[in-house]
Protein backbone atom coordinates (compact mmCIF):
# COMPACT_ATOMS: atom_id res chain seq x y z
CA ARG A 1 153.47 26.33 149.72
CA GLN A 2 150.74 27.42 152.12
CA TRP A 3 148.17 27.12 149.29
CA LEU A 4 149.31 23.59 148.56
CA MET A 5 149.17 22.47 152.19
CA ALA A 6 145.76 24.05 152.83
CA SER A 7 144.25 22.56 149.68
CA ALA A 8 145.72 19.13 150.40
CA GLU A 9 144.27 19.11 153.89
CA ARG A 10 140.86 20.15 152.55
CA LEU A 11 140.98 17.31 150.00
CA GLY A 12 142.18 14.72 152.52
CA LEU A 13 145.60 14.25 150.90
CA GLN A 14 148.83 13.71 152.78
CA LEU A 15 151.78 15.56 151.28
CA LYS A 16 155.39 14.56 151.55
CA THR A 17 158.18 16.99 150.87
CA GLU A 18 161.50 15.57 149.85
CA THR A 19 164.71 16.97 148.49
CA GLY A 20 167.60 15.29 146.76
CA ARG A 21 165.66 12.34 145.42
CA ALA A 22 164.14 12.52 141.97
CA TRP A 23 163.39 9.52 139.82
CA SER A 24 160.93 10.56 137.14
CA ASP A 25 160.43 13.20 134.45
CA HIS A 26 161.05 15.94 136.97
CA ALA A 27 164.51 14.60 137.92
CA PRO A 28 166.61 16.84 135.63
CA PHE A 29 164.95 19.92 137.12
CA ALA A 30 165.31 18.76 140.71
CA ARG A 31 168.99 17.97 140.16
CA ARG A 32 169.48 21.60 139.14
CA ASP A 33 167.65 22.84 142.24
CA ILE A 34 164.65 23.99 140.21
CA PRO A 35 161.54 23.57 142.38
CA VAL A 36 159.23 20.81 141.18
CA LEU A 37 155.91 19.30 142.14
CA PHE A 38 155.44 15.60 141.57
CA PHE A 39 151.94 14.20 142.03
CA PHE A 40 151.80 10.46 142.66
CA THR A 41 149.07 8.12 143.91
CA GLY A 42 151.55 5.66 145.40
CA PHE A 43 153.13 2.30 144.74
CA HIS A 44 151.37 -1.04 144.55
CA GLU A 45 152.55 -4.62 144.17
CA ASP A 46 152.29 -4.57 140.35
CA TYR A 47 153.86 -1.12 139.81
CA HIS A 48 155.84 -1.11 136.53
CA GLN A 49 155.24 -4.82 136.02
CA PRO A 50 153.45 -6.56 133.12
CA THR A 51 150.55 -7.05 135.56
CA ASP A 52 150.27 -3.27 136.13
CA THR A 53 146.89 -2.78 134.50
CA VAL A 54 144.47 0.14 134.43
CA ASP A 55 142.34 -1.36 137.21
CA LYS A 56 145.24 -0.71 139.62
CA ILE A 57 144.84 3.07 139.25
CA ASN A 58 143.42 4.67 142.37
CA LEU A 59 140.89 6.84 140.51
CA GLU A 60 139.40 8.42 143.63
CA LYS A 61 142.83 9.54 144.83
CA MET A 62 143.86 10.65 141.35
CA THR A 63 140.74 12.82 141.18
CA ARG A 64 141.71 14.54 144.44
CA ILE A 65 145.26 15.07 143.16
CA VAL A 66 143.94 16.70 139.97
CA GLN A 67 141.73 18.92 142.13
CA LEU A 68 144.78 19.85 144.22
CA ALA A 69 146.79 20.77 141.12
CA TYR A 70 143.90 22.82 139.72
CA LEU A 71 143.29 24.75 142.94
CA ASN A 72 146.95 25.63 143.33
CA LEU A 73 147.53 26.61 139.72
CA TRP A 74 144.47 28.85 139.97
CA SER A 75 145.86 30.45 143.15
CA LEU A 76 149.26 30.98 141.55
CA ALA A 77 147.68 32.55 138.46
CA ASP A 78 145.76 34.98 140.68
CA TYR A 79 148.74 35.83 142.89
CA ASP A 80 149.54 39.55 142.84
CA GLU A 81 152.91 39.53 144.58
CA ASN A 82 156.32 39.56 142.96
CA TYR A 83 156.75 36.48 140.74
CA GLU A 84 160.47 36.31 141.44
CA ALA A 85 159.69 35.04 144.92
CA TYR A 86 158.81 31.72 143.25
CA THR A 87 161.86 31.37 141.06
CA THR A 88 165.47 30.42 141.67
CA ASN A 89 168.56 31.60 139.83
């Protein structure tokens, strides 16, 4: 988690941590208490409406989110400690 927070700050992203509320593809995992990350650029007036067109995508923010995911996956891949510290039973 410290990697995620440090990278987010460096990229100018605000992170929110929530538990108990999952409403997308990650929901089945969250309901079983399996840790998930859900990257989202935020809602807008046309979200999930017929008027929700590609021009509504916040490309600058999406780029920073992809950078955040990349940096943290790289850190996790390089991590030398016990992997079980990141898993739940």
